[in-house]
């Protein structure tokens, strides 16, 4: 078991650490740009006390 320190107090962790495989992240340019383009079109024109603005 592993002894840990939290706010100045030692304690023993009751669970064993689980070894997991690392996750490899990928950047997909086409997906990112299509999502950015689709969200930019969904902003309506809002009106507050006669003043028009877009969020």
N, C-alpha and C. Protein backbone atom coordinates (compact mmCIF):
# COMPACT_ATOMS: atom_id res chain seq x y z
N UNK A 1 0.83 -1.18 0.00
CA UNK A 1 0.00 0.00 0.00
C UNK A 1 0.88 1.25 0.00
N UNK A 2 0.33 2.32 -0.50
CA UNK A 2 1.05 3.56 -0.63
C UNK A 2 0.66 4.51 0.49
N UNK A 3 1.64 5.16 1.12
CA UNK A 3 1.36 6.17 2.13
C UNK A 3 1.28 7.52 1.44
N UNK A 4 0.17 8.21 1.64
CA UNK A 4 -0.05 9.49 1.00
C UNK A 4 -0.10 10.59 2.05
N UNK A 5 0.09 11.82 1.62
CA UNK A 5 0.06 12.98 2.51
C UNK A 5 -1.04 13.92 2.03
N UNK A 6 -1.97 14.27 2.92
CA UNK A 6 -3.04 15.19 2.58
C UNK A 6 -3.22 16.17 3.73
N UNK A 7 -3.00 17.45 3.45
CA UNK A 7 -3.11 18.51 4.46
C UNK A 7 -2.31 18.21 5.72
N UNK A 8 -1.13 17.70 5.51
CA UNK A 8 -0.22 17.46 6.62
C UNK A 8 -0.44 16.15 7.35
N UNK A 9 -1.40 15.35 6.93
CA UNK A 9 -1.67 14.07 7.59
C UNK A 9 -1.34 12.92 6.64
N UNK A 10 -0.65 11.91 7.18
CA UNK A 10 -0.34 10.71 6.40
C UNK A 10 -1.52 9.76 6.47
N UNK A 11 -1.81 9.11 5.38
CA UNK A 11 -2.81 8.06 5.38
C UNK A 11 -2.43 7.01 4.35
N UNK A 12 -3.01 5.82 4.51
CA UNK A 12 -2.71 4.70 3.63
C UNK A 12 -3.85 4.55 2.64
N UNK A 13 -3.49 4.47 1.38
CA UNK A 13 -4.50 4.26 0.35
C UNK A 13 -4.92 2.80 0.37
N UNK A 14 -6.23 2.54 0.39
CA UNK A 14 -6.73 1.19 0.52
C UNK A 14 -6.92 0.49 -0.81
N UNK A 15 -6.76 1.21 -1.91
CA UNK A 15 -6.90 0.59 -3.22
C UNK A 15 -5.56 0.57 -3.91
N UNK A 16 -5.36 -0.45 -4.71
CA UNK A 16 -4.14 -0.52 -5.52
C UNK A 16 -4.32 0.36 -6.74
N UNK A 17 -3.25 0.94 -7.20
CA UNK A 17 -3.28 1.75 -8.41
C UNK A 17 -3.47 0.84 -9.61
N UNK A 18 -4.33 1.25 -10.52
CA UNK A 18 -4.61 0.46 -11.71
C UNK A 18 -3.77 1.01 -12.86
N UNK A 19 -3.03 0.14 -13.50
CA UNK A 19 -2.21 0.56 -14.64
C UNK A 19 -3.09 0.57 -15.89
N UNK A 20 -3.24 1.73 -16.50
CA UNK A 20 -4.05 1.86 -17.71
C UNK A 20 -3.17 2.21 -18.89
N UNK A 21 -3.61 1.83 -20.05
CA UNK A 21 -2.89 2.21 -21.26
C UNK A 21 -3.13 3.69 -21.53
N UNK A 22 -2.13 4.43 -21.95
CA UNK A 22 -2.34 5.85 -22.27
C UNK A 22 -3.24 6.00 -23.49
N UNK A 23 -3.99 7.09 -23.50
CA UNK A 23 -4.89 7.38 -24.61
C UNK A 23 -4.17 8.34 -25.54
N UNK A 24 -4.15 8.00 -26.81
CA UNK A 24 -3.51 8.87 -27.79
C UNK A 24 -4.57 9.77 -28.41
N UNK A 25 -4.39 11.08 -28.24
CA UNK A 25 -5.33 12.04 -28.77
C UNK A 25 -4.93 12.43 -30.18
N UNK A 26 -5.92 12.64 -31.02
CA UNK A 26 -5.64 13.03 -32.40
C UNK A 26 -6.35 14.34 -32.71
N UNK A 27 -5.80 15.07 -33.63
CA UNK A 27 -6.37 16.33 -34.08
C UNK A 27 -6.91 16.10 -35.48
N UNK A 28 -8.20 16.28 -35.63
CA UNK A 28 -8.83 16.11 -36.93
C UNK A 28 -9.29 17.47 -37.41
N UNK A 29 -8.54 18.02 -38.31
CA UNK A 29 -8.79 19.38 -38.78
C UNK A 29 -10.17 19.52 -39.41
N UNK A 30 -10.57 18.56 -40.23
CA UNK A 30 -11.86 18.66 -40.92
C UNK A 30 -13.02 18.68 -39.93
N UNK A 31 -12.97 17.84 -38.93
CA UNK A 31 -14.04 17.78 -37.94
C UNK A 31 -14.09 19.08 -37.15
N UNK A 32 -12.92 19.57 -36.74
CA UNK A 32 -12.87 20.80 -35.95
C UNK A 32 -13.41 22.00 -36.73
N UNK A 33 -12.96 22.16 -37.96
CA UNK A 33 -13.40 23.32 -38.74
C UNK A 33 -14.88 23.23 -39.09
N UNK A 34 -15.40 22.04 -39.35
CA UNK A 34 -16.83 21.92 -39.65
C UNK A 34 -17.67 22.23 -38.42
N UNK A 35 -17.24 21.84 -37.24
CA UNK A 35 -17.99 22.14 -36.02
C UNK A 35 -17.93 23.62 -35.68
N UNK A 36 -16.80 24.24 -35.89
CA UNK A 36 -16.69 25.68 -35.64
C UNK A 36 -17.60 26.44 -36.60
N UNK A 37 -17.63 26.03 -37.86
CA UNK A 37 -18.47 26.69 -38.85
C UNK A 37 -19.94 26.50 -38.53
N UNK A 38 -20.34 25.31 -38.07
CA UNK A 38 -21.75 25.06 -37.79
C UNK A 38 -22.23 25.81 -36.55
N UNK A 39 -21.36 25.99 -35.55
CA UNK A 39 -21.78 26.72 -34.36
C UNK A 39 -21.82 28.21 -34.59
N UNK A 40 -21.01 28.73 -35.49
CA UNK A 40 -21.00 30.17 -35.72
C UNK A 40 -22.28 30.62 -36.42
N UNK A 41 -22.97 29.73 -37.10
CA UNK A 41 -24.19 30.08 -37.80
C UNK A 41 -25.41 30.03 -36.88
N UNK A 42 -25.29 29.45 -35.70
CA UNK A 42 -26.43 29.26 -34.81
C UNK A 42 -26.64 30.41 -33.83
N UNK A 43 -25.89 31.49 -33.94
CA UNK A 43 -26.03 32.60 -33.00
C UNK A 43 -27.11 33.56 -33.50
N UNK A 44 -28.24 33.61 -32.81
CA UNK A 44 -29.30 34.52 -33.23
C UNK A 44 -28.99 35.96 -32.84
N UNK A 45 -29.69 36.87 -33.44
CA UNK A 45 -29.58 38.27 -33.06
C UNK A 45 -30.49 38.48 -31.86
N UNK A 46 -29.94 38.94 -30.77
CA UNK A 46 -30.68 39.13 -29.53
C UNK A 46 -30.99 40.60 -29.33
N UNK A 47 -32.08 40.89 -28.62
CA UNK A 47 -32.47 42.26 -28.35
C UNK A 47 -32.67 42.43 -26.85
N UNK A 48 -32.04 43.45 -26.28
CA UNK A 48 -32.20 43.76 -24.87
C UNK A 48 -32.40 45.27 -24.74
N UNK A 49 -33.59 45.65 -24.29
CA UNK A 49 -33.96 47.06 -24.11
C UNK A 49 -33.72 47.87 -25.37
N UNK A 50 -34.05 47.28 -26.50
CA UNK A 50 -33.95 47.98 -27.77
C UNK A 50 -32.60 47.88 -28.44
N UNK A 51 -31.59 47.34 -27.76
CA UNK A 51 -30.25 47.20 -28.34
C UNK A 51 -30.11 45.80 -28.90
N UNK A 52 -29.65 45.69 -30.14
CA UNK A 52 -29.48 44.40 -30.80
C UNK A 52 -28.01 43.98 -30.69
N UNK A 53 -27.80 42.70 -30.40
CA UNK A 53 -26.45 42.16 -30.32
C UNK A 53 -26.48 40.67 -30.62
N UNK A 54 -25.31 40.13 -30.91
CA UNK A 54 -25.16 38.69 -31.12
C UNK A 54 -24.28 38.13 -30.03
N UNK A 55 -24.65 36.98 -29.58
CA UNK A 55 -23.86 36.34 -28.52
C UNK A 55 -22.69 35.61 -29.13
